[in-house]
């Protein structure tokens, strides 16, 4: 009896998890030629899930643009999901770069989302 009730509860719970499409794009710049990587993650209690990755460890443009900076355009796309009893996904991005020669990394909190997410 308890198993039947649990099974019916899980069957009837069509909105107990969430899956969304994620698209993040933009441009990184530096006064010198540089290498970079962008990752988007879904935050989880035990381990974070990689939603998408853009990696370009080749040098940036060979010539600076009009603003006298070197640029790299990036786009990260993927599907983020969270398990049962969740109503949204918690997204964050990590940006790694070698601007100025040293390896640097910073995180950006992208917030909680229950629908498709796009950020420029």
N, C-alpha and C. Protein backbone atom coordinates (compact mmCIF):
# COMPACT_ATOMS: atom_id res chain seq x y z
N UNK A 1 0.82 -1.19 0.00
CA UNK A 1 0.00 0.00 0.00
C UNK A 1 0.87 1.26 0.00
N UNK A 2 1.89 1.30 0.85
CA UNK A 2 2.76 2.47 0.89
C UNK A 2 3.50 2.65 -0.43
N UNK A 3 3.95 1.54 -1.02
CA UNK A 3 4.66 1.61 -2.29
C UNK A 3 3.75 2.15 -3.39
N UNK A 4 2.50 1.69 -3.43
CA UNK A 4 1.55 2.17 -4.44
C UNK A 4 1.33 3.67 -4.30
N UNK A 5 1.20 4.15 -3.09
CA UNK A 5 0.99 5.57 -2.86
C UNK A 5 2.21 6.39 -3.30
N UNK A 6 3.41 5.91 -2.98
CA UNK A 6 4.63 6.58 -3.40
C UNK A 6 4.74 6.60 -4.92
N UNK A 7 4.45 5.48 -5.56
CA UNK A 7 4.52 5.38 -7.01
C UNK A 7 3.54 6.36 -7.66
N UNK A 8 2.32 6.43 -7.16
CA UNK A 8 1.33 7.35 -7.72
C UNK A 8 1.74 8.80 -7.49
N UNK A 9 2.35 9.08 -6.37
CA UNK A 9 2.82 10.44 -6.10
C UNK A 9 3.91 10.83 -7.10
N UNK A 10 4.85 9.93 -7.37
CA UNK A 10 5.91 10.24 -8.32
C UNK A 10 5.39 10.36 -9.74
N UNK A 11 4.43 9.51 -10.12
CA UNK A 11 3.83 9.59 -11.45
C UNK A 11 3.10 10.91 -11.62
N UNK A 12 2.39 11.34 -10.60
CA UNK A 12 1.61 12.57 -10.68
C UNK A 12 2.43 13.83 -10.55
N UNK A 13 3.70 13.69 -10.29
CA UNK A 13 4.55 14.85 -10.06
C UNK A 13 5.30 15.21 -11.33
N UNK A 14 4.58 15.75 -12.31
CA UNK A 14 5.19 16.09 -13.58
C UNK A 14 6.10 17.30 -13.52
N UNK A 15 5.96 18.14 -12.51
CA UNK A 15 6.76 19.36 -12.41
C UNK A 15 7.73 19.30 -11.23
N UNK A 16 8.19 18.13 -10.90
CA UNK A 16 9.08 17.99 -9.75
C UNK A 16 10.54 18.13 -10.13
N UNK A 17 10.83 18.41 -11.37
CA UNK A 17 12.19 18.66 -11.81
C UNK A 17 12.13 19.69 -12.93
N UNK A 18 13.27 20.25 -13.27
CA UNK A 18 13.29 21.31 -14.28
C UNK A 18 14.45 21.07 -15.25
N UNK A 19 14.19 21.34 -16.53
CA UNK A 19 15.21 21.28 -17.58
C UNK A 19 15.06 22.56 -18.39
N UNK A 20 16.15 23.32 -18.56
CA UNK A 20 16.07 24.56 -19.34
C UNK A 20 17.23 24.65 -20.33
N UNK A 21 17.01 25.37 -21.41
CA UNK A 21 18.07 25.68 -22.37
C UNK A 21 18.80 26.92 -21.89
N UNK A 22 20.12 26.90 -22.01
CA UNK A 22 20.96 28.02 -21.56
C UNK A 22 21.82 28.49 -22.73
N UNK A 23 21.82 29.79 -22.97
CA UNK A 23 22.68 30.41 -23.99
C UNK A 23 23.32 31.66 -23.39
N UNK A 24 24.63 31.67 -23.35
CA UNK A 24 25.36 32.82 -22.83
C UNK A 24 26.41 33.19 -23.87
N UNK A 25 26.45 34.46 -24.21
CA UNK A 25 27.42 34.90 -25.21
C UNK A 25 27.90 36.30 -24.88
N UNK A 26 29.07 36.63 -25.37
CA UNK A 26 29.64 37.94 -25.11
C UNK A 26 31.02 38.05 -25.70
N UNK A 27 31.77 38.99 -25.20
CA UNK A 27 33.12 39.24 -25.69
C UNK A 27 34.04 39.54 -24.51
N UNK A 28 35.20 38.95 -24.54
CA UNK A 28 36.24 39.23 -23.54
C UNK A 28 37.29 40.11 -24.22
N UNK A 29 37.90 41.00 -23.46
CA UNK A 29 38.93 41.85 -24.06
C UNK A 29 40.08 42.06 -23.08
N UNK A 30 41.22 42.42 -23.65
CA UNK A 30 42.44 42.62 -22.86
C UNK A 30 43.35 43.56 -23.65
N UNK A 31 44.18 44.35 -22.97
CA UNK A 31 45.09 45.24 -23.70
C UNK A 31 46.21 44.49 -24.42
N UNK A 32 46.41 43.21 -24.09
CA UNK A 32 47.43 42.39 -24.76
C UNK A 32 46.76 41.12 -25.29
N UNK A 33 47.42 40.42 -26.19
CA UNK A 33 46.91 39.15 -26.69
C UNK A 33 46.76 38.18 -25.51
N UNK A 34 45.70 37.36 -25.51
CA UNK A 34 45.43 36.51 -24.35
C UNK A 34 44.72 35.22 -24.75
N UNK A 35 44.65 34.29 -23.81
CA UNK A 35 43.93 33.02 -23.95
C UNK A 35 42.83 33.00 -22.90
N UNK A 36 41.74 32.24 -23.17
CA UNK A 36 40.62 32.26 -22.22
C UNK A 36 39.75 31.02 -22.34
N UNK A 37 38.89 30.84 -21.33
CA UNK A 37 37.92 29.74 -21.29
C UNK A 37 36.72 30.21 -20.47
N UNK A 38 35.51 29.81 -20.91
CA UNK A 38 34.27 30.13 -20.19
C UNK A 38 33.50 28.83 -19.97
N UNK A 39 33.07 28.60 -18.73
CA UNK A 39 32.25 27.43 -18.38
C UNK A 39 30.98 27.90 -17.70
N UNK A 40 29.88 27.22 -17.96
CA UNK A 40 28.62 27.49 -17.27
C UNK A 40 28.26 26.23 -16.48
N UNK A 41 27.87 26.44 -15.23
CA UNK A 41 27.62 25.33 -14.30
C UNK A 41 26.24 25.46 -13.68
N UNK A 42 25.67 24.31 -13.33
CA UNK A 42 24.46 24.25 -12.53
C UNK A 42 24.92 23.87 -11.13
N UNK A 43 24.66 24.74 -10.18
CA UNK A 43 25.12 24.52 -8.80
C UNK A 43 24.31 23.41 -8.16
N UNK A 44 25.02 22.52 -7.48
CA UNK A 44 24.36 21.41 -6.80
C UNK A 44 25.02 21.23 -5.43
N UNK A 45 24.35 20.53 -4.54
CA UNK A 45 24.87 20.36 -3.18
C UNK A 45 26.11 19.47 -3.16
N UNK A 46 26.11 18.40 -3.96
CA UNK A 46 27.23 17.45 -3.92
C UNK A 46 28.31 17.80 -4.93
N UNK A 47 27.93 18.06 -6.18
CA UNK A 47 28.89 18.44 -7.20
C UNK A 47 28.17 19.28 -8.24
N UNK A 48 28.91 20.17 -8.87
CA UNK A 48 28.32 21.05 -9.88
C UNK A 48 28.33 20.34 -11.23
N UNK A 49 27.28 20.57 -12.01
CA UNK A 49 27.15 19.94 -13.32
C UNK A 49 27.52 20.95 -14.40
N UNK A 50 28.40 20.54 -15.31
CA UNK A 50 28.80 21.42 -16.40
C UNK A 50 27.66 21.49 -17.42
N UNK A 51 27.16 22.69 -17.67
CA UNK A 51 26.08 22.91 -18.64
C UNK A 51 26.67 23.08 -20.03
N UNK A 52 27.74 23.83 -20.13
CA UNK A 52 28.38 24.09 -21.42
C UNK A 52 29.75 24.68 -21.23
N UNK A 53 30.54 24.59 -22.30
CA UNK A 53 31.93 25.03 -22.19
C UNK A 53 32.35 25.68 -23.50
N UNK A 54 33.04 26.79 -23.40
CA UNK A 54 33.70 27.41 -24.55
C UNK A 54 35.16 27.53 -24.17
N UNK A 55 36.00 26.95 -24.98
CA UNK A 55 37.42 26.95 -24.66
C UNK A 55 38.20 27.34 -25.90
N UNK A 56 39.02 28.34 -25.77
CA UNK A 56 39.85 28.78 -26.88
C UNK A 56 41.19 29.21 -26.30
N UNK A 57 42.08 28.25 -26.20
CA UNK A 57 43.38 28.58 -25.65
C UNK A 57 44.37 29.00 -26.74
N UNK A 58 43.85 29.25 -27.95
CA UNK A 58 44.68 29.91 -28.95
C UNK A 58 44.73 31.39 -28.59
N UNK A 59 45.71 32.08 -29.08
CA UNK A 59 45.79 33.51 -28.80
C UNK A 59 44.58 34.23 -29.37
N UNK A 60 44.27 35.38 -28.80
CA UNK A 60 43.14 36.19 -29.28
C UNK A 60 43.48 36.76 -30.66
N UNK A 61 42.64 37.64 -31.13
CA UNK A 61 42.86 38.27 -32.44
C UNK A 61 44.31 38.74 -32.57
N UNK A 62 44.82 38.68 -33.78
CA UNK A 62 46.22 39.08 -33.97
C UNK A 62 46.40 40.59 -33.95
N UNK A 63 45.33 41.33 -34.21
CA UNK A 63 45.41 42.80 -34.19
C UNK A 63 44.35 43.36 -33.26
N UNK A 64 44.68 44.40 -32.52
CA UNK A 64 43.66 45.01 -31.65
C UNK A 64 42.59 45.72 -32.49
N UNK A 65 41.41 45.86 -31.91
CA UNK A 65 40.32 46.57 -32.58
C UNK A 65 40.52 48.08 -32.38
N UNK A 66 39.53 48.85 -32.81
CA UNK A 66 39.62 50.31 -32.74
C UNK A 66 39.83 50.81 -31.31
N UNK A 67 39.34 50.05 -30.32
CA UNK A 67 39.51 50.47 -28.93
C UNK A 67 40.89 50.11 -28.37
N UNK A 68 41.77 49.61 -29.24
CA UNK A 68 43.15 49.25 -28.89
C UNK A 68 43.22 48.09 -27.91
N UNK A 69 42.20 47.23 -27.95
CA UNK A 69 42.16 46.04 -27.10
C UNK A 69 42.00 44.81 -27.99
N UNK A 70 42.50 43.68 -27.51
CA UNK A 70 42.33 42.40 -28.19
C UNK A 70 41.04 41.78 -27.67
N UNK A 71 40.27 41.16 -28.55
CA UNK A 71 38.96 40.63 -28.18
C UNK A 71 38.84 39.15 -28.54
N UNK A 72 37.96 38.46 -27.81
CA UNK A 72 37.53 37.10 -28.12
C UNK A 72 36.04 37.03 -27.88
N UNK A 73 35.29 36.66 -28.90
CA UNK A 73 33.84 36.45 -28.75
C UNK A 73 33.61 35.02 -28.31
N UNK A 74 32.66 34.81 -27.41
CA UNK A 74 32.37 33.46 -26.93
C UNK A 74 30.87 33.22 -26.93
N UNK A 75 30.50 31.94 -27.01
CA UNK A 75 29.11 31.52 -26.86
C UNK A 75 29.12 30.15 -26.18
N UNK A 76 28.35 30.05 -25.11
CA UNK A 76 28.21 28.79 -24.38
C UNK A 76 26.73 28.41 -24.43
N UNK A 77 26.45 27.22 -24.92
CA UNK A 77 25.07 26.72 -24.98
C UNK A 77 25.01 25.35 -24.34
N UNK A 78 23.89 25.06 -23.74
CA UNK A 78 23.72 23.75 -23.13
C UNK A 78 22.35 23.61 -22.50
N UNK A 79 22.17 22.50 -21.82
CA UNK A 79 20.91 22.20 -21.16
C UNK A 79 21.20 22.00 -19.67
N UNK A 80 20.54 22.78 -18.84
CA UNK A 80 20.71 22.67 -17.39
C UNK A 80 19.51 21.94 -16.81
N UNK A 81 19.75 21.11 -15.83
CA UNK A 81 18.64 20.39 -15.21
C UNK A 81 18.91 20.22 -13.73
N UNK A 82 17.85 20.08 -13.00
CA UNK A 82 17.94 19.77 -11.58
C UNK A 82 16.92 18.69 -11.29
N UNK A 83 17.19 17.87 -10.30
CA UNK A 83 16.42 16.67 -10.05
C UNK A 83 15.07 16.88 -9.40
N UNK A 84 14.52 15.78 -8.94
CA UNK A 84 13.20 15.78 -8.33
C UNK A 84 13.12 16.78 -7.18
N UNK A 85 11.96 17.35 -7.04
CA UNK A 85 11.61 18.30 -5.99
C UNK A 85 12.31 19.64 -6.17
N UNK A 86 12.84 19.90 -7.35
CA UNK A 86 13.46 21.19 -7.65
C UNK A 86 12.56 21.96 -8.62
N UNK A 87 12.52 23.26 -8.48
CA UNK A 87 11.68 24.10 -9.33
C UNK A 87 12.48 25.02 -10.22
N UNK A 88 13.78 25.14 -9.97
CA UNK A 88 14.62 25.99 -10.80
C UNK A 88 16.05 25.47 -10.77
N UNK A 89 16.87 26.00 -11.66
CA UNK A 89 18.29 25.66 -11.67
C UNK A 89 19.07 26.88 -11.18
N UNK A 90 20.17 26.62 -10.53
CA UNK A 90 21.03 27.68 -10.01
C UNK A 90 22.27 27.72 -10.89
N UNK A 91 22.42 28.76 -11.68
CA UNK A 91 23.50 28.84 -12.66
C UNK A 91 24.62 29.78 -12.21
N UNK A 92 25.85 29.42 -12.57
CA UNK A 92 26.96 30.35 -12.44
C UNK A 92 27.96 30.07 -13.56
N UNK A 93 28.75 31.07 -13.89
CA UNK A 93 29.76 30.95 -14.94
C UNK A 93 31.14 31.18 -14.36
N UNK A 94 32.12 30.45 -14.88
CA UNK A 94 33.51 30.70 -14.53
C UNK A 94 34.23 31.20 -15.77
N UNK A 95 34.98 32.27 -15.59
CA UNK A 95 35.76 32.87 -16.66
C UNK A 95 37.23 32.73 -16.29
N UNK A 96 38.00 32.03 -17.11
CA UNK A 96 39.44 31.89 -16.90
C UNK A 96 40.15 32.62 -18.04
N UNK A 97 41.24 33.30 -17.72
CA UNK A 97 41.98 34.00 -18.77
C UNK A 97 43.44 34.17 -18.36
N UNK A 98 44.22 34.48 -19.37
CA UNK A 98 45.64 34.74 -19.18
C UNK A 98 45.96 36.17 -19.62
N UNK A 99 45.07 37.10 -19.36
CA UNK A 99 45.30 38.51 -19.68
C UNK A 99 46.40 39.03 -18.76
N UNK A 100 47.44 39.59 -19.33
CA UNK A 100 48.55 40.08 -18.52
C UNK A 100 49.55 38.99 -18.17
N UNK A 101 49.37 37.79 -18.71
CA UNK A 101 50.33 36.71 -18.51
C UNK A 101 50.01 35.74 -17.39
N UNK A 102 49.37 36.17 -16.33
CA UNK A 102 49.06 35.29 -15.20
C UNK A 102 47.67 34.66 -15.37
N UNK A 103 47.51 33.43 -14.90
CA UNK A 103 46.21 32.76 -14.95
C UNK A 103 45.30 33.36 -13.89
N UNK A 104 44.11 33.79 -14.31
CA UNK A 104 43.13 34.35 -13.39
C UNK A 104 41.78 33.71 -13.67
N UNK A 105 40.97 33.61 -12.62
CA UNK A 105 39.64 33.00 -12.75
C UNK A 105 38.68 33.78 -11.87
N UNK A 106 37.48 34.02 -12.38
CA UNK A 106 36.45 34.63 -11.55
C UNK A 106 35.10 34.01 -11.88
N UNK A 107 34.20 34.06 -10.91
CA UNK A 107 32.87 33.47 -11.03
C UNK A 107 31.82 34.56 -11.10
N UNK A 108 30.75 34.28 -11.84
CA UNK A 108 29.62 35.20 -11.94
C UNK A 108 28.36 34.41 -11.63
N UNK A 109 27.61 34.85 -10.62
CA UNK A 109 26.34 34.22 -10.27
C UNK A 109 25.30 34.63 -11.30
N UNK A 110 24.69 33.66 -11.98
CA UNK A 110 23.69 33.94 -13.00
C UNK A 110 22.27 33.80 -12.48
N UNK A 111 22.12 33.46 -11.20
CA UNK A 111 20.81 33.42 -10.57
C UNK A 111 20.07 32.09 -10.72
N UNK A 112 18.82 32.10 -10.26
CA UNK A 112 17.94 30.93 -10.29
C UNK A 112 16.97 31.09 -11.46
N UNK A 113 16.79 30.02 -12.24
CA UNK A 113 15.93 30.11 -13.42
C UNK A 113 15.09 28.85 -13.57
N UNK A 114 13.82 29.05 -13.91
CA UNK A 114 12.92 27.94 -14.17
C UNK A 114 12.52 27.83 -15.62
N UNK A 115 12.94 28.79 -16.43
CA UNK A 115 12.63 28.81 -17.86
C UNK A 115 13.94 28.96 -18.61
N UNK A 116 13.89 28.93 -19.91
CA UNK A 116 15.09 29.10 -20.73
C UNK A 116 15.80 30.40 -20.35
N UNK A 117 17.12 30.37 -20.44
CA UNK A 117 17.93 31.50 -19.98
C UNK A 117 18.88 31.92 -21.09
N UNK A 118 18.90 33.21 -21.38
CA UNK A 118 19.83 33.76 -22.36
C UNK A 118 20.42 35.04 -21.79
N UNK A 119 21.72 35.18 -21.91
CA UNK A 119 22.40 36.37 -21.37
C UNK A 119 23.47 36.81 -22.34
N UNK A 120 23.52 38.11 -22.55
CA UNK A 120 24.55 38.70 -23.39
C UNK A 120 25.44 39.57 -22.51
